Amino acid sequence: MQRTARLLAARRRLRKALPALLFFTDPVRTPDPEAVARRLAAGSAIVYRAFGAPDAEARARRLKAIARSRGLTLLIGQDWGLAHRVGADGVHLPERLAHRAGPLKRANPGWIVTSAAHSLAAARRSGADAVVLSVALPSRSTSAAGALGPIRLAIRVRAAGRAAYALGGINDKTARRLRDSGLIGLAAVEGLAPVGADLIGM
């Protein structure tokens, strides 16, 4: 998946350096995010989503240390206060908070700000550096709606007119289906934690 993400043609047109791959943590689906983070290739990003966990700051600091040692980027999901406290590289916003992207970028010019976009309208409205489109491919996630598939995803990327990642149903096998989609990167949750696989060099 990492190799495919790096080969996406749209990356060559980026004005701002953005990660090729986003690893979204999930307390149920990726209970040990540190283990996954330690195996990510340099140039990837961790998107830590605390979901109100009482140890959120401690875990975020551990992930920040791993990111620093491995050449990764750390984004904090939704909680820009936590991002400030741990010295994260930016934030990822849920769609309902995408309107905060512009103010956050102006207040933190060095940050990377991404936002979720579950529709074309949401993607167009976002002021983030990049949007994360979902659901790209059939996924086991209980929150996943109907998948877009490679063709409809590519149409949405072009229509959105902004840098976009794809999330949902993406793993090392399915990532190749999205190489001609116009994406600037790929995103995954448990697709980055296959048993026994080394993500470096994928």
N, C-alpha and C. Protein backbone atom coordinates (compact mmCIF):
# COMPACT_ATOMS: atom_id res chain seq x y z
N MET A 1 0.82 -1.20 0.00
CA MET A 1 0.00 0.00 0.00
C MET A 1 0.86 1.26 0.00
N GLN A 2 1.95 1.24 0.77
CA GLN A 2 2.85 2.40 0.81
C GLN A 2 3.43 2.70 -0.56
N ARG A 3 3.85 1.66 -1.28
CA ARG A 3 4.42 1.87 -2.61
C ARG A 3 3.38 2.48 -3.54
N THR A 4 2.18 1.95 -3.51
CA THR A 4 1.12 2.48 -4.37
C THR A 4 0.84 3.94 -4.04
N ALA A 5 0.78 4.27 -2.75
CA ALA A 5 0.51 5.65 -2.34
C ALA A 5 1.56 6.60 -2.87
N ARG A 6 2.80 6.18 -2.85
CA ARG A 6 3.88 7.06 -3.33
C ARG A 6 3.84 7.24 -4.84
N LEU A 7 3.26 6.29 -5.55
CA LEU A 7 3.24 6.35 -7.01
C LEU A 7 2.07 7.15 -7.57
N LEU A 8 1.16 7.55 -6.72
CA LEU A 8 0.00 8.29 -7.21
C LEU A 8 0.44 9.55 -7.94
N ALA A 9 0.00 9.70 -9.18
CA ALA A 9 0.48 10.78 -10.04
C ALA A 9 0.16 12.16 -9.47
N ALA A 10 -0.97 12.28 -8.79
CA ALA A 10 -1.38 13.60 -8.27
C ALA A 10 -0.39 14.14 -7.25
N ARG A 11 0.42 13.27 -6.63
CA ARG A 11 1.38 13.75 -5.63
C ARG A 11 2.39 14.71 -6.25
N ARG A 12 2.67 14.55 -7.54
CA ARG A 12 3.67 15.41 -8.19
C ARG A 12 3.18 16.84 -8.33
N ARG A 13 1.88 17.08 -8.15
CA ARG A 13 1.33 18.42 -8.32
C ARG A 13 1.08 19.12 -6.99
N LEU A 14 1.51 18.51 -5.88
CA LEU A 14 1.25 19.09 -4.58
C LEU A 14 2.02 20.39 -4.38
N ARG A 15 1.34 21.39 -3.83
CA ARG A 15 2.00 22.64 -3.46
C ARG A 15 2.53 22.58 -2.03
N LYS A 16 1.94 21.74 -1.21
CA LYS A 16 2.33 21.59 0.18
C LYS A 16 2.66 20.13 0.42
N ALA A 17 3.75 19.88 1.10
CA ALA A 17 4.15 18.50 1.36
C ALA A 17 3.12 17.82 2.25
N LEU A 18 2.49 16.79 1.73
CA LEU A 18 1.51 16.02 2.48
C LEU A 18 1.92 14.56 2.52
N PRO A 19 1.56 13.85 3.58
CA PRO A 19 1.92 12.43 3.68
C PRO A 19 1.32 11.62 2.53
N ALA A 20 1.99 10.55 2.17
CA ALA A 20 1.48 9.67 1.12
C ALA A 20 0.42 8.71 1.67
N LEU A 21 0.50 8.45 2.97
CA LEU A 21 -0.35 7.43 3.57
C LEU A 21 -0.81 7.89 4.95
N LEU A 22 -2.10 7.75 5.24
CA LEU A 22 -2.66 8.09 6.54
C LEU A 22 -3.10 6.82 7.26
N PHE A 23 -2.59 6.62 8.45
CA PHE A 23 -3.04 5.52 9.30
C PHE A 23 -3.98 6.09 10.36
N PHE A 24 -5.27 5.73 10.25
CA PHE A 24 -6.28 6.17 11.20
C PHE A 24 -6.38 5.17 12.35
N THR A 25 -6.15 5.62 13.56
CA THR A 25 -6.28 4.73 14.70
C THR A 25 -7.75 4.54 15.04
N ASP A 26 -8.04 3.43 15.69
CA ASP A 26 -9.40 3.12 16.13
C ASP A 26 -9.28 2.26 17.39
N PRO A 27 -9.95 2.63 18.47
CA PRO A 27 -9.76 1.90 19.73
C PRO A 27 -10.16 0.43 19.66
N VAL A 28 -11.06 0.08 18.75
CA VAL A 28 -11.50 -1.30 18.63
C VAL A 28 -10.72 -2.04 17.54
N ARG A 29 -10.62 -1.42 16.39
CA ARG A 29 -10.02 -2.10 15.23
C ARG A 29 -8.50 -2.07 15.24
N THR A 30 -7.90 -1.10 15.91
CA THR A 30 -6.43 -1.06 16.04
C THR A 30 -6.09 -0.77 17.50
N PRO A 31 -6.28 -1.76 18.38
CA PRO A 31 -6.07 -1.53 19.81
C PRO A 31 -4.64 -1.22 20.21
N ASP A 32 -3.66 -1.52 19.35
CA ASP A 32 -2.26 -1.22 19.64
C ASP A 32 -1.70 -0.34 18.52
N PRO A 33 -2.09 0.94 18.48
CA PRO A 33 -1.64 1.80 17.38
C PRO A 33 -0.13 2.03 17.36
N GLU A 34 0.50 1.94 18.53
CA GLU A 34 1.95 2.12 18.56
C GLU A 34 2.66 1.04 17.74
N ALA A 35 2.16 -0.19 17.82
CA ALA A 35 2.77 -1.28 17.07
C ALA A 35 2.67 -1.04 15.58
N VAL A 36 1.51 -0.55 15.12
CA VAL A 36 1.35 -0.25 13.70
C VAL A 36 2.24 0.92 13.31
N ALA A 37 2.28 1.95 14.14
CA ALA A 37 3.06 3.14 13.84
C ALA A 37 4.54 2.81 13.68
N ARG A 38 5.03 1.89 14.49
CA ARG A 38 6.46 1.54 14.42
C ARG A 38 6.82 0.85 13.11
N ARG A 39 5.82 0.38 12.37
CA ARG A 39 6.09 -0.34 11.12
C ARG A 39 5.75 0.48 9.88
N LEU A 40 5.29 1.70 10.07
CA LEU A 40 4.99 2.55 8.92
C LEU A 40 6.26 3.08 8.29
N ALA A 41 6.23 3.25 6.99
CA ALA A 41 7.38 3.80 6.28
C ALA A 41 7.45 5.31 6.49
N ALA A 42 8.65 5.84 6.44
CA ALA A 42 8.85 7.29 6.54
C ALA A 42 8.01 7.99 5.49
N GLY A 43 7.47 9.14 5.85
CA GLY A 43 6.61 9.88 4.94
C GLY A 43 5.14 9.60 5.13
N SER A 44 4.80 8.65 5.99
CA SER A 44 3.41 8.33 6.31
C SER A 44 2.96 9.21 7.48
N ALA A 45 1.68 9.13 7.80
CA ALA A 45 1.14 9.90 8.93
C ALA A 45 0.26 9.02 9.80
N ILE A 46 0.28 9.32 11.08
CA ILE A 46 -0.63 8.71 12.05
C ILE A 46 -1.74 9.72 12.32
N VAL A 47 -2.97 9.29 12.23
CA VAL A 47 -4.09 10.14 12.62
C VAL A 47 -4.66 9.54 13.90
N TYR A 48 -4.28 10.14 15.04
CA TYR A 48 -4.71 9.58 16.32
C TYR A 48 -6.08 10.10 16.71
N ARG A 49 -7.04 9.18 16.81
CA ARG A 49 -8.41 9.52 17.19
C ARG A 49 -8.66 8.96 18.59
N ALA A 50 -8.73 9.85 19.58
CA ALA A 50 -8.81 9.43 20.98
C ALA A 50 -10.21 8.99 21.39
N PHE A 51 -11.26 9.57 20.79
CA PHE A 51 -12.63 9.24 21.15
C PHE A 51 -12.87 9.34 22.66
N GLY A 52 -12.28 10.35 23.29
CA GLY A 52 -12.52 10.58 24.71
C GLY A 52 -11.75 9.68 25.66
N ALA A 53 -10.77 8.96 25.19
CA ALA A 53 -10.01 8.05 26.05
C ALA A 53 -9.33 8.82 27.18
N PRO A 54 -9.37 8.30 28.40
CA PRO A 54 -8.77 9.01 29.53
C PRO A 54 -7.26 9.14 29.43
N ASP A 55 -6.62 8.24 28.69
CA ASP A 55 -5.16 8.29 28.54
C ASP A 55 -4.75 8.90 27.21
N ALA A 56 -5.63 9.73 26.62
CA ALA A 56 -5.38 10.27 25.28
C ALA A 56 -4.07 11.01 25.18
N GLU A 57 -3.78 11.87 26.15
CA GLU A 57 -2.55 12.66 26.04
C GLU A 57 -1.31 11.79 26.15
N ALA A 58 -1.33 10.82 27.05
CA ALA A 58 -0.18 9.93 27.20
C ALA A 58 0.06 9.14 25.92
N ARG A 59 -1.01 8.63 25.34
CA ARG A 59 -0.87 7.86 24.09
C ARG A 59 -0.43 8.76 22.95
N ALA A 60 -0.97 9.96 22.87
CA ALA A 60 -0.57 10.89 21.82
C ALA A 60 0.92 11.22 21.93
N ARG A 61 1.42 11.36 23.15
CA ARG A 61 2.85 11.65 23.33
C ARG A 61 3.70 10.46 22.91
N ARG A 62 3.23 9.24 23.18
CA ARG A 62 3.97 8.06 22.73
C ARG A 62 4.00 8.00 21.21
N LEU A 63 2.87 8.29 20.59
CA LEU A 63 2.81 8.27 19.12
C LEU A 63 3.68 9.38 18.54
N LYS A 64 3.73 10.53 19.20
CA LYS A 64 4.59 11.63 18.73
C LYS A 64 6.06 11.21 18.77
N ALA A 65 6.45 10.51 19.83
CA ALA A 65 7.84 10.05 19.94
C ALA A 65 8.17 9.07 18.82
N ILE A 66 7.24 8.17 18.53
CA ILE A 66 7.46 7.21 17.43
C ILE A 66 7.54 7.95 16.11
N ALA A 67 6.64 8.91 15.91
CA ALA A 67 6.63 9.67 14.66
C ALA A 67 7.95 10.40 14.46
N ARG A 68 8.46 11.01 15.51
CA ARG A 68 9.71 11.75 15.42
C ARG A 68 10.87 10.81 15.05
N SER A 69 10.88 9.63 15.65
CA SER A 69 12.00 8.71 15.42
C SER A 69 11.94 8.04 14.05
N ARG A 70 10.75 7.98 13.44
CA ARG A 70 10.60 7.24 12.18
C ARG A 70 10.32 8.13 10.97
N GLY A 71 10.34 9.44 11.16
CA GLY A 71 10.07 10.33 10.03
C GLY A 71 8.62 10.33 9.61
N LEU A 72 7.73 10.24 10.60
CA LEU A 72 6.30 10.23 10.34
C LEU A 72 5.69 11.57 10.76
N THR A 73 4.45 11.79 10.35
CA THR A 73 3.68 12.96 10.74
C THR A 73 2.59 12.51 11.70
N LEU A 74 2.33 13.31 12.73
CA LEU A 74 1.26 12.99 13.66
C LEU A 74 0.16 14.04 13.55
N LEU A 75 -1.04 13.59 13.20
CA LEU A 75 -2.23 14.42 13.21
C LEU A 75 -3.14 13.94 14.33
N ILE A 76 -3.79 14.89 14.99
CA ILE A 76 -4.73 14.54 16.06
C ILE A 76 -6.15 14.71 15.53
N GLY A 77 -6.97 13.69 15.73
CA GLY A 77 -8.35 13.76 15.29
C GLY A 77 -9.17 14.70 16.15
N GLN A 78 -9.69 15.77 15.55
CA GLN A 78 -10.68 16.66 16.13
C GLN A 78 -10.17 17.58 17.24
N ASP A 79 -9.32 17.10 18.12
CA ASP A 79 -8.95 17.83 19.34
C ASP A 79 -7.71 18.69 19.11
N TRP A 80 -7.91 19.92 18.64
CA TRP A 80 -6.74 20.77 18.37
C TRP A 80 -6.06 21.22 19.65
N GLY A 81 -6.76 21.20 20.77
CA GLY A 81 -6.11 21.50 22.05
C GLY A 81 -5.07 20.43 22.37
N LEU A 82 -5.43 19.18 22.19
CA LEU A 82 -4.50 18.08 22.40
C LEU A 82 -3.34 18.18 21.42
N ALA A 83 -3.63 18.54 20.19
CA ALA A 83 -2.57 18.69 19.18
C ALA A 83 -1.55 19.72 19.63
N HIS A 84 -2.01 20.82 20.18
CA HIS A 84 -1.10 21.85 20.70
C HIS A 84 -0.26 21.31 21.85
N ARG A 85 -0.91 20.63 22.77
CA ARG A 85 -0.20 20.18 23.98
C ARG A 85 0.90 19.19 23.68
N VAL A 86 0.70 18.33 22.71
CA VAL A 86 1.71 17.30 22.44
C VAL A 86 2.66 17.67 21.30
N GLY A 87 2.45 18.84 20.71
CA GLY A 87 3.33 19.25 19.61
C GLY A 87 3.09 18.46 18.34
N ALA A 88 1.83 18.14 18.05
CA ALA A 88 1.51 17.39 16.84
C ALA A 88 1.74 18.26 15.60
N ASP A 89 1.70 17.61 14.45
CA ASP A 89 1.96 18.29 13.17
C ASP A 89 0.69 18.83 12.53
N GLY A 90 -0.45 18.62 13.17
CA GLY A 90 -1.70 19.12 12.62
C GLY A 90 -2.88 18.36 13.16
N VAL A 91 -4.01 18.51 12.49
CA VAL A 91 -5.24 17.88 12.94
C VAL A 91 -6.02 17.30 11.76
N HIS A 92 -6.86 16.34 12.09
CA HIS A 92 -7.85 15.82 11.13
C HIS A 92 -9.22 16.11 11.70
N LEU A 93 -10.07 16.74 10.91
CA LEU A 93 -11.38 17.15 11.37
C LEU A 93 -12.49 16.26 10.82
N PRO A 94 -13.47 15.90 11.65
CA PRO A 94 -14.65 15.22 11.11
C PRO A 94 -15.40 16.20 10.21
N GLU A 95 -16.25 15.69 9.36
CA GLU A 95 -16.95 16.54 8.40
C GLU A 95 -17.70 17.69 9.09
N ARG A 96 -18.31 17.42 10.24
CA ARG A 96 -19.11 18.45 10.91
C ARG A 96 -18.26 19.61 11.42
N LEU A 97 -16.95 19.42 11.52
CA LEU A 97 -16.06 20.48 11.98
C LEU A 97 -15.15 21.00 10.87
N ALA A 98 -15.42 20.61 9.64
CA ALA A 98 -14.56 21.01 8.53
C ALA A 98 -14.50 22.52 8.37
N HIS A 99 -15.52 23.23 8.81
CA HIS A 99 -15.51 24.69 8.71
C HIS A 99 -14.42 25.33 9.57
N ARG A 100 -13.87 24.55 10.50
CA ARG A 100 -12.79 25.05 11.35
C ARG A 100 -11.42 24.98 10.68
N ALA A 101 -11.35 24.35 9.51
CA ALA A 101 -10.06 24.15 8.85
C ALA A 101 -9.36 25.47 8.56
N GLY A 102 -10.05 26.41 7.96
CA GLY A 102 -9.44 27.69 7.61
C GLY A 102 -8.89 28.42 8.81
N PRO A 103 -9.69 28.65 9.86
CA PRO A 103 -9.17 29.31 11.05
C PRO A 103 -7.99 28.59 11.69
N LEU A 104 -8.03 27.26 11.72
CA LEU A 104 -6.93 26.50 12.31
C LEU A 104 -5.65 26.66 11.49
N LYS A 105 -5.77 26.66 10.18
CA LYS A 105 -4.60 26.83 9.31
C LYS A 105 -4.00 28.23 9.49
N ARG A 106 -4.86 29.24 9.60
CA ARG A 106 -4.35 30.60 9.78
C ARG A 106 -3.67 30.77 11.14
N ALA A 107 -4.22 30.13 12.16
CA ALA A 107 -3.65 30.24 13.50
C ALA A 107 -2.40 29.38 13.66
N ASN A 108 -2.27 28.35 12.83
CA ASN A 108 -1.14 27.40 12.93
C ASN A 108 -0.60 27.15 11.53
N PRO A 109 0.12 28.11 10.95
CA PRO A 109 0.54 27.99 9.55
C PRO A 109 1.42 26.79 9.24
N GLY A 110 2.04 26.22 10.24
CA GLY A 110 2.88 25.05 9.99
C GLY A 110 2.13 23.74 10.03
N TRP A 111 0.86 23.79 10.41
CA TRP A 111 0.09 22.56 10.54
C TRP A 111 -0.40 22.03 9.20
N ILE A 112 -0.60 20.71 9.16
CA ILE A 112 -1.37 20.05 8.11
C ILE A 112 -2.77 19.84 8.65
N VAL A 113 -3.76 20.26 7.91
CA VAL A 113 -5.15 20.10 8.34
C VAL A 113 -5.90 19.33 7.26
N THR A 114 -6.47 18.20 7.64
CA THR A 114 -7.28 17.41 6.73
C THR A 114 -8.70 17.33 7.31
N SER A 115 -9.65 17.00 6.46
CA SER A 115 -11.02 16.84 6.94
C SER A 115 -11.72 15.72 6.21
N ALA A 116 -12.66 15.10 6.89
CA ALA A 116 -13.46 14.05 6.27
C ALA A 116 -14.49 14.68 5.34
N ALA A 117 -14.80 13.97 4.27
CA ALA A 117 -15.81 14.45 3.32
C ALA A 117 -16.57 13.24 2.81
N HIS A 118 -17.82 13.12 3.22
CA HIS A 118 -18.64 11.97 2.82
C HIS A 118 -19.53 12.26 1.63
N SER A 119 -19.38 13.45 1.07
CA SER A 119 -20.15 13.82 -0.12
C SER A 119 -19.32 14.79 -0.94
N LEU A 120 -19.72 14.99 -2.18
CA LEU A 120 -19.02 15.94 -3.04
C LEU A 120 -19.18 17.36 -2.50
N ALA A 121 -20.36 17.69 -2.02
CA ALA A 121 -20.58 19.04 -1.48
C ALA A 121 -19.65 19.31 -0.30
N ALA A 122 -19.48 18.32 0.57
CA ALA A 122 -18.61 18.50 1.73
C ALA A 122 -17.16 18.67 1.29
N ALA A 123 -16.75 17.92 0.27
CA ALA A 123 -15.39 18.04 -0.23
C ALA A 123 -15.13 19.42 -0.80
N ARG A 124 -16.09 19.95 -1.52
CA ARG A 124 -15.93 21.28 -2.12
C ARG A 124 -15.92 22.39 -1.07
N ARG A 125 -16.68 22.21 0.00
CA ARG A 125 -16.77 23.25 1.04
C ARG A 125 -15.53 23.32 1.92
N SER A 126 -14.85 22.21 2.07
CA SER A 126 -13.75 22.13 3.03
C SER A 126 -12.63 23.09 2.69
N GLY A 127 -12.10 23.73 3.72
CA GLY A 127 -10.93 24.59 3.53
C GLY A 127 -9.65 23.92 3.96
N ALA A 128 -9.71 22.59 4.14
CA ALA A 128 -8.54 21.83 4.60
C ALA A 128 -7.49 21.71 3.49
N ASP A 129 -6.29 21.32 3.90
CA ASP A 129 -5.23 21.06 2.92
C ASP A 129 -5.59 19.88 2.03
N ALA A 130 -6.33 18.94 2.58
CA ALA A 130 -6.77 17.77 1.82
C ALA A 130 -8.01 17.21 2.48
N VAL A 131 -8.83 16.55 1.68
CA VAL A 131 -10.02 15.89 2.22
C VAL A 131 -9.82 14.38 2.15
N VAL A 132 -10.51 13.68 3.04
CA VAL A 132 -10.47 12.22 3.06
C VAL A 132 -11.84 11.73 2.64
N LEU A 133 -11.90 11.14 1.45
CA LEU A 133 -13.15 10.67 0.87
C LEU A 133 -13.42 9.22 1.27
N SER A 134 -14.66 8.95 1.63
CA SER A 134 -15.02 7.58 1.97
C SER A 134 -16.51 7.36 1.68
N VAL A 135 -16.91 6.14 1.45
CA VAL A 135 -16.13 4.92 1.55
C VAL A 135 -15.63 4.58 0.15
N ALA A 136 -14.32 4.35 0.00
CA ALA A 136 -13.75 4.12 -1.32
C ALA A 136 -14.12 2.76 -1.89
N LEU A 137 -13.85 1.71 -1.12
CA LEU A 137 -14.07 0.33 -1.56
C LEU A 137 -14.86 -0.41 -0.48
N PRO A 138 -15.46 -1.54 -0.80
CA PRO A 138 -16.20 -2.28 0.22
C PRO A 138 -15.38 -2.49 1.49
N SER A 139 -15.99 -2.20 2.63
CA SER A 139 -15.28 -2.24 3.90
C SER A 139 -16.06 -3.03 4.93
N ARG A 140 -15.35 -3.58 5.92
CA ARG A 140 -16.00 -4.31 7.00
C ARG A 140 -16.48 -3.39 8.11
N SER A 141 -16.15 -2.11 8.02
CA SER A 141 -16.54 -1.16 9.07
C SER A 141 -18.06 -1.11 9.20
N THR A 142 -18.55 -1.12 10.44
CA THR A 142 -19.99 -1.07 10.66
C THR A 142 -20.58 0.28 10.29
N SER A 143 -19.72 1.32 10.20
CA SER A 143 -20.21 2.65 9.85
C SER A 143 -20.14 2.92 8.35
N ALA A 144 -19.64 1.95 7.59
CA ALA A 144 -19.43 2.17 6.17
C ALA A 144 -20.75 2.09 5.40
N ALA A 145 -20.97 3.09 4.56
CA ALA A 145 -22.13 3.06 3.66
C ALA A 145 -21.71 2.39 2.37
N GLY A 146 -22.49 2.56 1.30
CA GLY A 146 -22.14 1.95 0.04
C GLY A 146 -20.83 2.49 -0.50
N ALA A 147 -20.00 1.60 -0.99
CA ALA A 147 -18.69 2.01 -1.49
C ALA A 147 -18.81 2.73 -2.83
N LEU A 148 -17.93 3.71 -3.04
CA LEU A 148 -17.92 4.44 -4.31
C LEU A 148 -17.38 3.59 -5.45
N GLY A 149 -16.32 2.84 -5.19
CA GLY A 149 -15.66 2.10 -6.26
C GLY A 149 -14.69 3.01 -7.01
N PRO A 150 -13.72 2.45 -7.73
CA PRO A 150 -12.68 3.24 -8.37
C PRO A 150 -13.18 4.31 -9.35
N ILE A 151 -14.19 3.99 -10.15
CA ILE A 151 -14.65 4.94 -11.17
C ILE A 151 -15.37 6.13 -10.54
N ARG A 152 -16.34 5.86 -9.67
CA ARG A 152 -17.06 6.97 -9.03
C ARG A 152 -16.14 7.77 -8.12
N LEU A 153 -15.19 7.10 -7.50
CA LEU A 153 -14.22 7.81 -6.66
C LEU A 153 -13.41 8.79 -7.49
N ALA A 154 -12.91 8.34 -8.64
CA ALA A 154 -12.11 9.21 -9.52
C ALA A 154 -12.93 10.41 -9.99
N ILE A 155 -14.20 10.18 -10.29
CA ILE A 155 -15.08 11.28 -10.70
C ILE A 155 -15.23 12.28 -9.57
N ARG A 156 -15.40 11.79 -8.35
CA ARG A 156 -15.56 12.69 -7.20
C ARG A 156 -14.29 13.47 -6.93
N VAL A 157 -13.14 12.82 -7.06
CA VAL A 157 -11.87 13.53 -6.85
C VAL A 157 -11.75 14.69 -7.83
N ARG A 158 -12.02 14.42 -9.10
CA ARG A 158 -11.91 15.48 -10.11
C ARG A 158 -12.91 16.61 -9.84
N ALA A 159 -14.14 16.24 -9.49
CA ALA A 159 -15.17 17.24 -9.26
C ALA A 159 -14.90 18.07 -8.01
N ALA A 160 -14.24 17.47 -7.02
CA ALA A 160 -13.95 18.19 -5.78
C ALA A 160 -12.93 19.29 -6.02
N GLY A 161 -12.00 19.06 -6.94
CA GLY A 161 -11.02 20.07 -7.28
C GLY A 161 -10.03 20.38 -6.18
N ARG A 162 -9.75 19.40 -5.33
CA ARG A 162 -8.77 19.62 -4.26
C ARG A 162 -8.05 18.32 -3.93
N ALA A 163 -6.97 18.43 -3.20
CA ALA A 163 -6.20 17.24 -2.82
C ALA A 163 -7.08 16.30 -2.01
N ALA A 164 -7.01 15.01 -2.34
CA ALA A 164 -7.91 14.05 -1.69
C ALA A 164 -7.22 12.72 -1.42
N TYR A 165 -7.57 12.16 -0.29
CA TYR A 165 -7.21 10.79 0.08
C TYR A 165 -8.47 9.93 -0.02
N ALA A 166 -8.28 8.63 -0.10
CA ALA A 166 -9.41 7.71 -0.07
C ALA A 166 -9.29 6.81 1.14
N LEU A 167 -10.42 6.56 1.80
CA LEU A 167 -10.47 5.72 2.99
C LEU A 167 -11.61 4.72 2.83
N GLY A 168 -11.36 3.50 3.29
CA GLY A 168 -12.41 2.49 3.27
C GLY A 168 -12.10 1.33 2.36
N GLY A 169 -11.88 0.16 2.94
CA GLY A 169 -11.64 -1.04 2.15
C GLY A 169 -10.29 -1.09 1.47
N ILE A 170 -9.35 -0.26 1.91
CA ILE A 170 -8.04 -0.19 1.24
C ILE A 170 -7.01 -0.99 2.02
N ASN A 171 -6.36 -1.89 1.34
CA ASN A 171 -5.25 -2.65 1.91
C ASN A 171 -4.22 -2.87 0.81
N ASP A 172 -3.21 -3.67 1.07
CA ASP A 172 -2.13 -3.83 0.09
C ASP A 172 -2.62 -4.44 -1.23
N LYS A 173 -3.67 -5.23 -1.17
CA LYS A 173 -4.18 -5.86 -2.38
C LYS A 173 -5.10 -4.93 -3.17
N THR A 174 -5.95 -4.19 -2.47
CA THR A 174 -6.94 -3.37 -3.16
C THR A 174 -6.41 -2.00 -3.57
N ALA A 175 -5.32 -1.55 -2.97
CA ALA A 175 -4.80 -0.20 -3.24
C ALA A 175 -4.49 0.02 -4.72
N ARG A 176 -4.04 -1.02 -5.38
CA ARG A 176 -3.66 -0.88 -6.80
C ARG A 176 -4.83 -0.45 -7.68
N ARG A 177 -6.05 -0.73 -7.25
CA ARG A 177 -7.23 -0.37 -8.03
C ARG A 177 -7.44 1.15 -8.09
N LEU A 178 -6.73 1.87 -7.22
CA LEU A 178 -6.95 3.32 -7.11
C LEU A 178 -5.80 4.14 -7.68
N ARG A 179 -4.88 3.51 -8.39
CA ARG A 179 -3.70 4.23 -8.87
C ARG A 179 -4.02 5.34 -9.86
N ASP A 180 -5.10 5.20 -10.61
CA ASP A 180 -5.45 6.21 -11.62
C ASP A 180 -6.62 7.09 -11.18
N SER A 181 -6.81 7.22 -9.88
CA SER A 181 -7.98 7.90 -9.35
C SER A 181 -7.80 9.40 -9.17
N GLY A 182 -6.58 9.90 -9.29
CA GLY A 182 -6.34 11.32 -9.05
C GLY A 182 -6.09 11.66 -7.59
N LEU A 183 -5.98 10.65 -6.74
CA LEU A 183 -5.72 10.86 -5.31
C LEU A 183 -4.28 11.32 -5.07
N ILE A 184 -4.08 12.00 -3.94
CA ILE A 184 -2.70 12.34 -3.55
C ILE A 184 -2.19 11.38 -2.48
N GLY A 185 -3.05 10.50 -2.01
CA GLY A 185 -2.61 9.53 -1.01
C GLY A 185 -3.73 8.58 -0.65
N LEU A 186 -3.39 7.60 0.18
CA LEU A 186 -4.34 6.59 0.62
C LEU A 186 -4.46 6.63 2.13
N ALA A 187 -5.57 6.13 2.64
CA ALA A 187 -5.79 6.09 4.09
C ALA A 187 -6.40 4.75 4.46
N ALA A 188 -6.08 4.29 5.65
CA ALA A 188 -6.62 3.00 6.09
C ALA A 188 -6.62 2.92 7.60
N VAL A 189 -7.41 1.99 8.11
CA VAL A 189 -7.46 1.70 9.54
C VAL A 189 -6.80 0.34 9.73
N GLU A 190 -7.58 -0.73 9.76
CA GLU A 190 -6.99 -2.04 9.98
C GLU A 190 -6.27 -2.59 8.75
N GLY A 191 -6.46 -1.95 7.60
CA GLY A 191 -5.73 -2.38 6.41
C GLY A 191 -4.24 -2.20 6.53
N LEU A 192 -3.79 -1.46 7.53
CA LEU A 192 -2.37 -1.25 7.76
C LEU A 192 -1.82 -2.15 8.86
N ALA A 193 -2.63 -3.07 9.33
CA ALA A 193 -2.16 -3.94 10.39
C ALA A 193 -2.35 -5.41 10.06
N PRO A 194 -1.93 -5.86 8.85
CA PRO A 194 -2.07 -7.27 8.52
C PRO A 194 -1.12 -8.11 9.35
N VAL A 195 -1.57 -9.26 9.76
CA VAL A 195 -0.75 -10.12 10.60
C VAL A 195 0.50 -10.56 9.86
N GLY A 196 1.64 -10.32 10.49
CA GLY A 196 2.90 -10.80 9.96
C GLY A 196 3.48 -10.01 8.81
N ALA A 197 2.83 -8.94 8.37
CA ALA A 197 3.34 -8.19 7.21
C ALA A 197 4.18 -7.03 7.65
N ASP A 198 5.21 -6.71 6.89
CA ASP A 198 6.05 -5.55 7.16
C ASP A 198 5.62 -4.45 6.21
N LEU A 199 5.13 -3.33 6.75
CA LEU A 199 4.59 -2.28 5.90
C LEU A 199 5.66 -1.47 5.22
N ILE A 200 6.88 -1.54 5.71
CA ILE A 200 7.93 -0.76 5.08
C ILE A 200 8.22 -1.34 3.70
N GLY A 201 8.15 -0.51 2.70
CA GLY A 201 8.43 -0.96 1.34
C GLY A 201 7.20 -1.42 0.59
N MET A 202 6.04 -1.48 1.24
CA MET A 202 4.82 -1.87 0.52
C MET A 202 4.43 -0.79 -0.47
